[in-house]
Protein backbone atom coordinates (compact mmCIF):
# COMPACT_ATOMS: atom_id res chain seq x y z
CA MET A 1 0.19 0.02 0.03
CA LEU A 2 1.57 3.28 -1.11
CA SER A 3 1.84 6.27 1.70
CA PRO A 4 0.94 9.60 0.62
CA SER A 5 4.17 12.03 0.11
CA PRO A 6 4.56 14.92 2.55
CA GLU A 7 3.17 17.26 0.04
CA THR A 8 -0.08 15.35 -0.44
CA GLN A 9 -0.44 14.87 3.38
CA GLY A 10 -0.30 18.86 3.56
CA THR A 11 -2.87 19.23 0.58
CA ALA A 12 -5.29 17.22 2.25
CA ALA A 13 -5.07 18.46 5.56
CA ASN A 14 -5.50 22.21 4.03
CA ALA A 15 -8.64 20.88 1.95
CA ALA A 16 -10.03 19.25 5.63
CA GLN A 17 -10.03 22.68 7.32
CA PRO A 18 -12.37 25.43 6.24
CA ALA A 19 -10.92 28.48 4.67
CA PRO A 20 -10.53 31.66 6.76
CA ALA A 21 -13.40 33.36 5.22
CA GLU A 22 -15.68 30.08 5.54
CA ALA A 23 -14.90 29.77 9.07
CA ARG A 24 -15.90 33.48 9.97
CA VAL A 25 -19.14 33.05 8.30
CA LYS A 26 -19.94 30.16 10.17
CA ARG A 27 -18.96 31.73 13.63
CA LEU A 28 -21.24 34.52 12.50
CA SER A 29 -24.03 32.63 11.20
CA ARG A 30 -25.05 31.25 14.68
CA PRO A 31 -25.57 34.34 16.48
CA ILE A 32 -27.51 35.89 13.73
CA ALA A 33 -29.56 32.79 13.51
CA ALA A 34 -30.28 33.26 17.38
CA VAL A 35 -31.13 36.79 16.89
CA LEU A 36 -33.72 35.97 13.86
CA VAL A 37 -35.04 33.01 16.01
CA GLY A 38 -35.96 35.49 18.76
CA VAL A 39 -37.09 38.00 16.70
CA ALA A 40 -39.66 35.27 15.21
CA LEU A 41 -40.61 33.81 18.73
CA ILE A 42 -41.66 37.70 19.63
CA GLY A 43 -43.37 38.01 16.20
CA VAL A 44 -45.25 34.70 17.06
CA ALA A 45 -46.18 35.89 20.48
CA ALA A 46 -47.61 39.05 19.11
CA LEU A 47 -49.38 37.37 16.69
CA ALA A 48 -50.88 34.76 18.96
CA GLU A 49 -51.94 37.76 21.06
CA THR A 50 -53.73 39.66 18.64
CA ILE A 51 -55.79 36.37 17.70
CA LEU A 52 -56.65 36.10 21.24
CA LEU A 53 -57.88 39.66 21.75
CA ARG A 54 -60.23 39.72 18.45
CA ASN A 55 -63.14 38.27 20.47
CA GLN A 56 -62.47 39.92 23.92
CA ALA A 57 -65.27 42.05 25.56
CA TRP A 58 -64.48 45.36 26.33
CA LYS A 59 -60.94 45.27 25.16
CA ASP A 60 -61.17 49.01 23.68
CA ALA A 61 -63.02 50.20 26.92
CA LEU A 62 -62.50 53.72 28.02
CA LEU A 63 -62.90 55.14 31.38
CA VAL A 64 -63.35 58.76 32.16
CA LEU A 65 -62.91 59.67 36.03
CA ASP A 66 -65.06 62.65 35.89
CA GLY A 67 -67.42 64.32 33.47
CA SER A 68 -70.59 63.96 31.48
CA PRO A 69 -70.81 61.51 28.90
CA PRO A 70 -70.28 62.74 25.23
CA ALA A 71 -73.92 63.31 23.30
CA ASN A 72 -72.51 61.72 20.07
CA ALA A 73 -71.98 58.20 21.38
CA GLU A 74 -74.18 55.26 22.11
CA GLY A 75 -73.72 52.57 24.77
CA ILE A 76 -72.05 54.87 27.29
CA ILE A 77 -72.68 53.84 31.02
CA PRO A 78 -72.71 56.36 33.78
CA ILE A 79 -70.48 55.55 36.89
CA SER A 80 -69.93 57.21 40.29
CA LEU A 81 -66.23 56.03 41.54
CA ARG A 82 -63.95 56.72 44.37
CA ARG A 83 -60.49 55.49 45.72
CA ILE A 84 -60.21 52.88 48.62
CA PRO A 85 -58.64 54.97 51.58
CA LEU A 86 -55.07 54.46 51.64
CA GLU A 87 -55.24 53.79 55.59
CA LEU A 88 -56.67 50.63 54.65
CA SER A 89 -53.38 49.36 52.82
CA PRO A 90 -50.99 49.47 55.46
CA ARG A 91 -47.88 48.06 53.84
CA VAL A 92 -48.70 50.85 50.88
CA GLN A 93 -49.14 53.44 53.45
CA ALA A 94 -45.76 52.66 55.24
CA VAL A 95 -44.20 52.72 52.34
CA VAL A 96 -45.37 55.92 51.33
CA GLU A 97 -44.65 57.43 54.78
CA ARG A 98 -41.06 56.15 54.48
CA VAL A 99 -40.60 57.86 51.19
CA ARG A 100 -42.01 61.14 52.47
CA ALA A 101 -39.65 60.94 55.53
CA ALA A 102 -36.33 60.28 53.29
CA PHE A 103 -37.45 62.13 50.66
CA PRO A 104 -39.44 65.54 51.80
CA ASP A 105 -39.50 67.14 48.46
CA ALA A 106 -40.71 63.64 46.85
CA LYS A 107 -44.54 64.97 46.87
CA GLU A 108 -44.64 65.42 43.11
CA ASP A 109 -43.19 62.18 42.26
CA ILE A 110 -45.38 60.36 44.78
CA ASP A 111 -48.50 62.02 42.99
CA ARG A 112 -46.89 61.16 39.56
CA LEU A 113 -46.83 57.25 40.80
CA GLN A 114 -49.81 57.66 42.53
CA LEU A 115 -48.23 55.41 45.39
CA ASP A 116 -50.62 57.40 47.72
CA LYS A 117 -53.72 56.10 45.51
CA GLY A 118 -55.85 52.82 46.32
CA GLU A 119 -57.65 50.85 43.97
CA ARG A 120 -60.84 52.22 42.42
CA VAL A 121 -64.39 51.31 43.11
CA ILE A 122 -66.69 51.87 40.43
CA LEU A 123 -70.67 51.89 40.87
CA MET A 124 -71.83 51.12 37.60
CA SER A 125 -75.17 52.14 36.21
CA ALA A 126 -76.37 49.14 34.01
CA PRO A 127 -78.22 45.82 34.40
CA VAL A 128 -75.86 43.31 36.54
CA ASP A 129 -75.76 41.04 33.11
CA THR A 130 -73.92 43.66 31.14
CA LEU A 131 -70.90 42.28 33.20
CA THR A 132 -71.66 38.47 32.22
CA PRO A 133 -69.19 38.53 28.94
CA LEU A 134 -66.54 40.14 31.13
CA LEU A 135 -66.57 37.47 34.04
CA ALA A 136 -63.42 35.31 34.66
CA SER A 137 -64.29 33.61 37.40
CA GLY A 138 -66.91 33.35 40.37
CA ARG A 139 -70.25 34.83 39.73
CA LEU A 140 -71.72 38.04 39.51
CA PRO A 141 -72.62 40.24 42.46
CA VAL A 142 -76.28 40.68 43.34
CA PRO A 143 -77.56 44.27 43.22
CA GLY A 144 -77.89 45.88 46.76
CA LYS A 145 -75.71 43.37 48.58
CA ARG A 146 -72.44 44.26 49.47
CA GLU A 147 -70.59 42.35 46.50
CA ALA A 148 -68.34 43.18 44.06
CA LEU A 149 -66.22 42.09 41.34
CA ALA A 150 -62.45 42.36 40.85
CA GLY A 151 -60.66 43.67 38.19
CA ASP A 152 -57.25 41.57 37.02
CA LEU A 153 -54.88 43.67 39.29
CA ALA A 154 -57.18 44.49 42.15
CA SER A 155 -55.95 41.69 44.79
CA ARG A 156 -58.13 42.01 47.94
CA SER A 157 -60.81 39.71 48.61
CA THR A 158 -62.87 42.11 50.69
CA PHE A 159 -62.61 45.84 51.10
CA ASP A 160 -64.14 48.79 53.26
CA LEU A 161 -65.94 51.52 52.58
CA ASP A 162 -67.17 53.75 55.14
CA GLY A 163 -66.97 51.16 57.55
CA ALA A 164 -69.24 48.86 55.39
CA SER A 165 -67.12 45.59 54.13
CA PHE A 166 -67.95 44.43 50.75
CA SER A 167 -66.89 40.73 49.51
CA VAL A 168 -65.42 40.17 46.13
CA VAL A 169 -67.53 37.34 44.48
CA GLY A 170 -65.97 37.23 41.05
CA ARG A 171 -63.04 38.48 38.79
CA LEU A 172 -63.06 39.88 35.58
CA GLN A 173 -61.04 38.87 32.74
CA ARG A 174 -57.65 40.35 32.25
CA GLY A 175 -58.30 41.55 29.01
CA VAL A 176 -60.93 43.94 30.11
CA ALA A 177 -59.52 47.49 29.64
CA GLY A 178 -60.02 50.26 32.03
CA LEU A 179 -61.18 48.01 35.14
CA ALA A 180 -57.95 46.06 35.80
CA TYR A 181 -57.34 48.29 39.03
CA ALA A 182 -60.98 48.45 40.26
CA TYR A 183 -63.70 46.82 42.02
CA VAL A 184 -67.40 47.04 40.57
CA ILE A 185 -70.47 47.08 42.21
CA PRO A 186 -73.75 47.28 40.25
CA GLU A 187 -75.99 50.22 41.22
CA ASP A 188 -78.62 49.95 43.81
CA PRO A 189 -80.28 52.16 46.22
CA ALA A 190 -78.91 50.40 49.01
CA VAL A 191 -75.19 51.09 48.43
CA GLN A 192 -75.43 54.49 46.66
CA GLN A 193 -74.83 56.13 50.33
CA HIS A 194 -71.10 55.16 49.58
CA PHE A 195 -70.70 57.12 46.41
CA THR A 196 -71.59 60.77 47.53
CA ALA A 197 -69.74 63.88 46.87
CA GLU A 198 -68.93 63.99 50.73
CA SER A 199 -67.36 60.51 50.38
CA GLY A 200 -64.92 61.82 47.60
CA ALA A 201 -66.84 60.01 44.85
CA THR A 202 -67.29 61.42 41.27
CA GLU A 203 -69.37 61.18 38.28
CA GLY A 204 -68.00 59.59 35.11
CA TRP A 205 -68.71 57.24 32.40
CA ILE A 206 -67.37 54.12 30.62
CA ASP A 207 -67.57 53.41 26.98
CA PRO A 208 -66.93 49.72 25.97
CA GLU A 209 -65.59 50.53 22.71
CA GLY A 210 -64.02 54.00 23.62
CA PHE A 211 -60.56 53.70 22.68
CA LYS A 212 -61.62 52.29 19.31
CA ARG A 213 -64.11 55.70 18.88
CA LEU A 214 -61.25 57.96 20.11
CA LYS A 215 -58.70 56.39 17.11
CA GLU A 216 -61.48 56.78 14.41
CA ASP A 217 -63.61 59.77 15.29
CA GLU A 218 -62.07 62.91 15.84
CA THR A 219 -65.29 64.66 17.27
CA TYR A 220 -65.61 62.03 19.77
CA LEU A 221 -64.40 64.01 22.83
CA GLU A 222 -64.87 67.32 21.44
CA ASP A 223 -67.29 68.32 23.96
CA GLN A 224 -64.96 67.24 27.14
CA GLU A 225 -62.92 69.47 29.05
CA SER A 226 -59.43 68.18 29.84
CA PRO A 227 -61.09 64.44 30.46
CA LYS A 228 -59.23 62.17 32.76
CA LEU A 229 -58.92 58.76 30.84
CA VAL A 230 -58.32 55.34 31.86
CA GLY A 231 -57.89 52.08 29.86
CA GLY A 232 -56.46 50.95 26.87
CA ILE A 233 -53.69 48.78 28.63
CA THR A 234 -54.37 45.29 29.70
CA ARG A 235 -52.15 42.35 30.75
CA SER A 236 -51.06 39.66 28.11
CA PRO A 237 -51.29 35.91 28.98
CA PRO A 238 -48.61 34.70 30.95
CA TRP A 239 -47.43 32.26 28.18
CA VAL A 240 -47.53 35.26 25.73
CA ALA A 241 -45.19 37.35 28.05
CA SER A 242 -42.77 34.27 29.09
CA LEU A 243 -42.61 33.74 25.11
CA VAL A 244 -41.58 37.31 24.35
CA VAL A 245 -38.75 37.15 27.13
CA ALA A 246 -37.63 34.20 25.78
CA GLY A 247 -37.14 35.87 22.33
CA LEU A 248 -35.47 38.90 23.89
CA PHE A 249 -33.06 36.54 25.86
CA LEU A 250 -32.02 35.26 22.35
CA VAL A 251 -31.79 38.40 20.61
CA ALA A 252 -29.60 39.77 23.72
CA CYS A 253 -27.23 36.60 23.42
CA GLY A 254 -26.99 36.34 19.53
CA GLY A 255 -26.60 40.10 19.44
CA SER A 256 -23.93 40.22 22.01
CA VAL A 257 -21.79 37.28 20.40
CA LEU A 258 -22.24 38.68 16.81
CA GLN A 259 -21.35 42.39 17.98
CA VAL A 260 -18.13 41.12 19.99
CA ARG A 261 -17.06 38.59 17.28
CA LEU A 262 -17.49 41.36 14.65
CA LEU A 263 -15.24 43.79 16.94
CA ARG A 264 -12.59 41.14 17.39
CA HIS A 265 -12.36 40.31 13.53
CA SER A 266 -12.19 44.24 12.77
CA ALA A 267 -9.12 44.49 15.15
CA ALA A 268 -6.35 44.39 12.66
CA ARG A 269 -8.23 46.69 10.15
CA ALA A 270 -9.71 49.10 12.65
CA PRO A 271 -8.74 52.89 12.78
CA GLY A 272 -5.97 53.62 15.27
CA PHE A 273 -8.29 55.21 17.72
CA LEU A 274 -10.06 51.89 18.23
CA ARG A 275 -7.25 49.69 18.36
CA ALA A 276 -6.74 49.56 21.92
CA VAL A 277 -10.05 48.85 23.14
CA LEU A 278 -10.46 46.16 20.53
CA ARG A 279 -6.90 44.72 21.74
CA GLU A 280 -8.15 44.39 25.18
CA ILE A 281 -11.48 42.85 24.30
CA ILE A 282 -9.35 40.16 22.66
CA GLU A 283 -7.20 39.62 25.40
CA ARG A 284 -9.62 39.58 28.20
CA PRO A 285 -12.39 37.23 27.00
CA ALA A 286 -13.36 36.12 30.65
CA LEU A 287 -14.11 39.56 31.43
CA VAL A 288 -16.00 40.48 28.44
CA ILE A 289 -18.13 37.42 29.28
CA PHE A 290 -18.37 39.02 33.10
CA VAL A 291 -19.73 42.15 32.29
CA HIS A 292 -22.40 40.83 29.28
CA ALA A 293 -23.62 38.36 32.16
CA ALA A 294 -23.78 41.00 35.06
CA LEU A 295 -25.63 43.74 33.15
CA TYR A 296 -28.02 41.55 31.14
CA GLY A 297 -28.55 39.28 34.10
CA VAL A 298 -29.54 42.05 36.29
CA PHE A 299 -31.79 43.20 33.14
CA PHE A 300 -33.59 39.76 32.77
CA LEU A 301 -33.77 39.23 36.52
CA MET A 302 -35.72 42.37 37.00
CA MET A 303 -37.95 41.83 34.03
CA LEU A 304 -39.12 38.68 35.78
CA VAL A 305 -39.77 40.70 38.99
CA ALA A 306 -42.03 42.84 37.08
CA PHE A 307 -44.01 39.60 36.48
CA GLN A 308 -44.92 39.37 40.08
CA TYR A 309 -45.32 43.26 40.86
CA PRO A 310 -47.46 44.56 37.69
CA VAL A 311 -48.85 47.59 39.69
CA ALA A 312 -45.35 48.70 40.53
CA ASN A 313 -44.47 47.97 36.76
CA ILE A 314 -47.44 50.37 35.08
CA ARG A 315 -46.79 52.82 37.82
CA ALA A 316 -42.84 53.21 36.89
CA THR A 317 -43.59 52.99 33.13
CA SER A 318 -45.99 55.93 33.59
CA LEU A 319 -43.31 57.71 35.40
CA VAL A 320 -41.01 57.35 32.43
CA ARG A 321 -43.44 58.20 29.96
CA ASP A 322 -44.12 61.56 31.95
CA GLU A 323 -40.58 62.01 31.88
CA PHE A 324 -40.55 62.08 28.21
CA ALA A 325 -43.74 64.16 27.72
CA LYS A 326 -43.18 66.91 30.30
CA GLY A 327 -40.25 66.13 32.15
CA GLU A 328 -36.52 66.44 32.07
CA LEU A 329 -36.30 64.33 28.90
CA SER A 330 -39.11 65.84 27.10
CA TYR A 331 -36.50 67.27 24.42
CA ILE A 332 -36.49 63.70 23.55
CA GLY A 333 -40.31 63.31 22.96
CA ASN A 334 -40.37 66.55 21.38
CA ALA A 335 -37.85 65.32 18.87
CA TYR A 336 -39.88 62.25 18.15
CA ALA A 337 -43.11 63.96 17.86
CA SER A 338 -41.58 66.37 15.23
CA GLY A 339 -41.28 63.19 12.97
CA ASP A 340 -37.77 64.28 11.93
CA ILE A 341 -35.79 61.02 12.19
CA PHE A 342 -32.45 62.90 12.44
CA LEU A 343 -33.25 65.12 15.00
CA ALA A 344 -34.80 61.98 17.45
CA ALA A 345 -31.73 60.13 16.54
CA ALA A 346 -29.33 63.23 17.96
CA ALA A 347 -31.52 63.65 20.94
CA THR A 348 -31.40 60.28 21.87
CA PHE A 349 -27.54 59.94 21.02
CA PHE A 350 -27.06 62.99 23.33
CA HIS A 351 -28.85 61.41 26.34
CA ASN A 352 -27.23 58.04 26.10
CA TYR A 353 -24.06 58.81 25.27
CA VAL A 354 -23.31 62.59 26.71
CA TYR A 355 -25.22 62.35 29.49
CA ALA A 356 -25.64 58.77 30.40
CA THR A 357 -22.12 57.25 29.52
CA LEU A 358 -19.67 60.31 29.38
CA LEU A 359 -20.97 62.16 32.42
CA PHE A 360 -22.28 59.46 34.51
CA ALA A 361 -20.33 56.26 33.81
CA LEU A 362 -16.91 57.10 32.46
CA ALA A 363 -15.93 60.18 33.90
CA PRO A 364 -16.68 59.29 37.63
CA SER A 365 -15.08 55.90 37.12
CA LEU A 366 -11.90 57.81 36.58
CA ILE A 367 -12.03 58.72 40.26
CA VAL A 368 -14.23 55.99 41.96
CA PRO A 369 -13.22 52.80 40.76
CA PHE A 370 -15.97 50.69 39.16
CA ALA A 371 -18.53 53.60 39.67
CA GLY A 372 -19.61 53.23 36.27
CA LEU A 373 -20.42 49.66 36.21
CA ILE A 374 -22.56 50.05 39.42
CA LYS A 375 -24.28 52.90 37.61
CA ASN A 376 -25.10 50.58 34.63
CA LEU A 377 -26.29 48.02 36.63
CA LEU A 378 -28.63 49.88 38.39
CA SER A 379 -30.07 51.31 34.78
CA PHE A 380 -30.19 47.83 33.43
CA ALA A 381 -31.98 46.84 36.20
CA SER A 382 -34.69 49.77 36.02
CA VAL A 383 -35.00 49.36 32.38
CA GLY A 384 -35.32 45.53 32.47
CA PHE A 385 -38.32 46.18 35.11
CA VAL A 386 -39.92 48.92 32.86
CA MET A 387 -39.30 47.13 29.58
CA ALA A 388 -41.25 43.83 30.87
CA PRO A 389 -43.59 42.79 28.06
CA ILE A 390 -46.48 42.19 30.52
CA TRP A 391 -48.95 44.35 28.69
CA ALA A 392 -50.83 43.81 25.66
CA GLU A 393 -49.52 44.51 22.38
CA SER A 394 -45.93 45.10 23.79
CA GLY A 395 -44.61 42.14 21.99
CA ALA A 396 -45.74 43.77 18.65
CA LYS A 397 -43.36 46.62 19.10
CA LEU A 398 -40.81 44.61 20.48
CA VAL A 399 -40.27 42.72 16.93
CA TYR A 400 -38.41 45.63 15.93
CA HIS A 401 -37.62 47.31 19.37
CA SER A 402 -35.52 44.27 20.35
CA ILE A 403 -32.85 45.06 17.80
CA THR A 404 -32.44 48.23 19.31
CA MET A 405 -31.98 46.74 23.10
CA ALA A 406 -29.17 44.69 21.53
CA LEU A 407 -27.75 47.65 19.58
CA GLU A 408 -27.87 50.28 22.57
CA MET A 409 -26.97 47.96 25.38
CA GLU A 410 -23.73 46.58 23.69
CA GLY A 411 -22.89 50.43 23.61
CA TYR A 412 -23.40 50.67 27.64
CA ILE A 413 -21.58 47.26 27.92
CA ILE A 414 -18.59 48.37 26.12
CA ALA A 415 -18.48 51.40 28.38
CA SER A 416 -18.70 49.03 31.33
CA PHE A 417 -16.16 46.94 30.35
CA VAL A 418 -13.39 50.18 29.93
CA VAL A 419 -14.70 50.99 33.34
CA VAL A 420 -13.79 47.69 34.89
CA VAL A 421 -10.34 47.41 32.72
CA TRP A 422 -9.41 50.98 34.03
CA PRO A 423 -8.62 50.18 38.01
CA LEU A 424 -7.47 46.75 36.77
CA ARG A 425 -4.87 48.33 34.99
CA ILE A 426 -3.83 51.03 37.82
CA PHE A 427 -3.62 47.99 40.24
CA LYS A 428 -1.30 46.37 38.05
CA GLY A 429 0.79 49.49 37.76
CA VAL A 430 0.68 49.78 41.37
CA THR A 431 1.97 46.40 42.20
CA GLY A 432 4.46 46.07 39.45
CA SER A 433 7.10 48.71 38.55
CA ALA A 434 5.57 49.97 35.12
CA PHE A 435 2.82 52.25 36.99
CA LEU A 436 3.16 55.11 34.48
CA ASP A 437 2.90 52.86 31.48
CA GLN A 438 -0.14 51.29 32.91
CA LEU A 439 -1.71 54.40 33.52
CA ALA A 440 -1.30 55.65 29.96
CA GLN A 441 -2.17 52.32 28.60
CA GLY A 442 -5.37 52.43 30.93
CA LEU A 443 -6.05 55.92 29.71
CA ARG A 444 -5.71 55.17 25.83
CA ILE A 445 -8.33 52.07 26.76
CA VAL A 446 -10.81 54.48 28.24
CA VAL A 447 -10.59 57.07 25.13
CA SER A 448 -10.78 54.26 22.70
CA GLY A 449 -13.72 52.46 24.64
CA ALA A 450 -15.64 55.81 25.02
CA LEU A 451 -15.31 56.32 21.17
CA LEU A 452 -16.24 52.81 20.10
CA ALA A 453 -19.12 53.14 22.55
CA GLY A 454 -20.23 56.54 20.85
CA ILE A 455 -20.18 55.00 17.40
CA MET A 456 -22.50 51.85 18.78
CA LEU A 457 -24.83 54.20 20.46
CA ALA A 458 -24.85 56.52 17.31
CA ILE A 459 -25.75 53.47 15.08
CA ALA A 460 -28.53 52.30 17.75
CA ALA A 461 -29.74 55.80 18.25
CA LEU A 462 -30.38 56.15 14.25
CA TYR A 463 -32.07 52.79 14.30
CA GLU A 464 -34.42 53.45 17.29
CA ALA A 465 -35.23 56.84 15.73
CA THR A 466 -36.13 55.14 12.05
CA THR A 467 -38.25 52.37 13.30
CA LEU A 468 -40.06 54.13 16.03
CA ILE A 469 -40.76 57.06 13.71
CA ILE A 470 -41.85 54.95 10.65
CA LEU A 471 -43.34 52.12 12.40
CA ASN A 472 -44.82 53.83 15.55
CA PRO A 473 -45.43 57.39 14.35
CA TRP A 474 -45.53 59.63 17.47
CA THR A 475 -47.36 62.29 14.98
């Protein structure tokens, strides 16, 4: 039997190994596949939820807290409503009192978060059978008795009004809008005494098709003076929300692996001002993994926490929306409302890079070790809590916004990486004999990382502005 020559052996070995370009494509194809599967999971969840909501009764219900019903709409139900007194919620009251004691100027934030507001109790002027299609479990209350239905987020089994105890005998479906954080009592003279002006009750109304009419008819609320509206948001089924979280996790993992591998592959050809941080990424793979795991770990942990605390989530989300509407971040909200993609991208980039990264992450870390990492851990935790896809139709927006998450958060992760590298370099210089060299190299890495994070956040801002304005216009 003839043995192959050394030349033939070398040729065979080379043929068995994939070419560098082929190997690179293979290394990138897997994280790309993870991203695509994640987006597909989110899309499937959103589509399934849309199908489920088609037959949901009162999914478009609009609750107006104070005011007379419009004259041009049919099917509107007059109501009287009041809040359960805070003193009947001892744990909530204790939290509010601690916040007030610790932060004397927090009254405005307490009002915006409605921390001092209990559930609504609604006296509904309609036949009790009107509530039959809304019932999820239990039975309908008997008019005249102290019985009520509880909304999806109303957790009490009993509650008191003016010393009288009411029992919850049934629960409303989670897809019923406007009544999630409320108890509903059918109207009857025997309970009317608890809904007087002296008890703090107001007269309002509920329209089972209100939000649909609001979108389709510009004259719907034209005779209303600054109406206080509630509705348009309900909880997703748990399996839908869980599927969206799974999709987000795949997008986060695939997006991070893809971007890190692209950065490593580009290190040799990158501009000189980026090479210091790219070399560090190549030389410290364990640290890269640690920073990703820490930041995304708290992000997804707090997202799961939000499943258990939906009321806190919706209050935090309302606070964030209020910041973009009329708070310190209103310049970003106004930029998106203008419909100008580049203006919106510039406003987003300014906040994410100049404000959140340079001023509050990188700069403090030059003085206080790991300050930027701690700041970003807190930021990822709060964003994860607020971004939790526990509300109906949130999955549909995350089909494209999940890519924003992967792009934007990678910029913050790179900034966090150099924040950790900086004190490690200083420590190496202090314990070794080349302190000045390590100091200089550490500064080069910080500057290089800041520039790389800026480029990544600029790309993320442009993508976010483009998708939000085109696919979900603010105007």
